[in-house]
Amino acid sequence: MAFLSARIFGQVVKGTSYRNEKIVRQLAIKPVHKDIDEVDYYPPYMKIDLAFENLRYHGLFRDEHQDFKEEMIRLRALRGKVKPKKGEGKRAMKRKAAGS
């Protein structure tokens, strides 16, 4: 009877070796992909970045590095260092001047 109840309830049958008990213990633990501590080890950086981007858009968060990058792009545009759009480059302007 003890043998049957051990098989039904997933317990180790008496008289098993140490190696069998060790395997049973290893198989009894929660799988790694279902362990919350393992799955959520790293914080969700993509969600956090998106949240900060939305907060910055609404003026509730100030990202000084992004402000600096945008200011550098604005200053480059003022100096004329920005790449021209397609169809507005030197060759296109020559072609328009020669064609008209």
Protein backbone atom coordinates (compact mmCIF):
# COMPACT_ATOMS: atom_id res chain seq x y z
CA MET A 1 0.00 0.00 0.00
CA ALA A 2 2.86 2.40 0.84
CA PHE A 3 4.37 1.66 -2.59
CA LEU A 4 1.14 2.60 -4.38
CA SER A 5 0.58 5.78 -2.37
CA ALA A 6 4.18 6.87 -3.01
CA ARG A 7 3.70 6.38 -6.77
CA ILE A 8 0.35 8.21 -6.78
CA PHE A 9 1.54 11.24 -4.80
CA GLY A 10 4.95 11.49 -6.47
CA GLN A 11 7.01 10.53 -3.46
CA VAL A 12 10.14 8.41 -3.48
CA VAL A 13 9.58 4.76 -2.69
CA LYS A 14 11.44 3.52 0.38
CA GLY A 15 14.48 1.47 -0.41
CA THR A 16 15.72 3.63 -3.31
CA SER A 17 19.33 4.61 -3.67
CA TYR A 18 20.77 8.03 -2.95
CA ARG A 19 21.27 8.72 -6.67
CA ASN A 20 17.60 8.10 -7.39
CA GLU A 21 16.56 10.43 -4.58
CA LYS A 22 18.91 13.09 -5.95
CA ILE A 23 17.33 12.83 -9.42
CA VAL A 24 13.85 13.03 -7.91
CA ARG A 25 14.84 16.22 -6.03
CA GLN A 26 16.27 17.76 -9.19
CA LEU A 27 13.13 17.00 -11.16
CA ALA A 28 10.89 18.27 -8.34
CA ILE A 29 12.23 21.84 -8.40
CA LYS A 30 10.52 24.51 -10.48
CA PRO A 31 11.82 24.78 -14.10
CA VAL A 32 14.08 27.76 -14.76
CA HIS A 33 11.80 29.27 -17.42
CA LYS A 34 8.93 29.36 -14.91
CA ASP A 35 10.97 30.81 -12.04
CA ILE A 36 10.04 34.49 -11.72
CA ASP A 37 13.40 35.43 -10.19
CA GLU A 38 15.25 34.01 -13.20
CA VAL A 39 12.90 35.36 -15.87
CA ASP A 40 12.72 38.90 -14.46
CA TYR A 41 16.43 39.12 -13.62
CA TYR A 42 17.01 42.20 -15.79
CA PRO A 43 14.68 45.18 -15.58
CA PRO A 44 12.56 45.91 -18.69
CA TYR A 45 14.87 48.59 -20.13
CA MET A 46 12.92 49.01 -23.39
CA LYS A 47 9.71 49.79 -21.51
CA ILE A 48 11.53 52.18 -19.18
CA ASP A 49 13.15 54.01 -22.11
CA LEU A 50 9.79 54.34 -23.86
CA ALA A 51 8.19 55.68 -20.68
CA PHE A 52 10.96 58.28 -20.25
CA GLU A 53 10.62 59.25 -23.92
CA ASN A 54 6.88 59.83 -23.46
CA LEU A 55 7.50 61.81 -20.27
CA ARG A 56 10.09 63.92 -22.10
CA TYR A 57 7.64 64.54 -24.94
CA HIS A 58 5.07 65.86 -22.45
CA GLY A 59 7.67 67.96 -20.64
CA LEU A 60 7.68 65.97 -17.40
CA PHE A 61 11.25 64.64 -17.71
CA ARG A 62 14.43 66.34 -18.83
CA ASP A 63 17.01 64.21 -20.66
CA GLU A 64 20.04 66.46 -20.89
CA HIS A 65 21.99 64.13 -23.17
CA GLN A 66 19.13 63.99 -25.71
CA ASP A 67 18.76 67.79 -25.45
CA PHE A 68 22.47 68.15 -26.20
CA LYS A 69 22.26 65.85 -29.23
CA GLU A 70 19.27 67.75 -30.63
CA GLU A 71 21.05 71.07 -30.06
CA MET A 72 24.11 69.80 -31.97
CA ILE A 73 21.89 68.75 -34.89
CA ARG A 74 20.18 72.17 -34.84
CA LEU A 75 23.52 73.99 -34.88
CA ARG A 76 24.80 71.83 -37.75
CA ALA A 77 21.67 72.70 -39.73
CA LEU A 78 22.25 76.41 -39.10
CA ARG A 79 25.81 76.12 -40.44
CA GLY A 80 24.61 74.19 -43.49
CA LYS A 81 26.35 70.93 -42.54
CA VAL A 82 23.27 68.71 -42.82
CA LYS A 83 23.01 66.29 -45.74
CA PRO A 84 20.58 67.49 -48.41
CA LYS A 85 17.41 65.55 -49.07
CA LYS A 86 17.19 63.33 -52.11
CA GLY A 87 16.88 65.48 -55.22
CA GLU A 88 18.35 68.59 -53.59
CA GLY A 89 22.08 67.76 -53.90
CA LYS A 90 24.72 69.31 -56.18
CA ARG A 91 24.07 67.01 -59.13
CA ALA A 92 20.32 67.56 -58.96
CA MET A 93 20.78 71.35 -58.82
CA LYS A 94 23.11 71.23 -61.87
CA ARG A 95 20.56 69.16 -63.74
CA LYS A 96 17.75 71.58 -62.84
CA ALA A 97 19.88 74.60 -63.88
CA ALA A 98 20.84 73.00 -67.21
CA GLY A 99 17.30 71.81 -67.91
CA SER A 100 15.58 75.13 -67.32
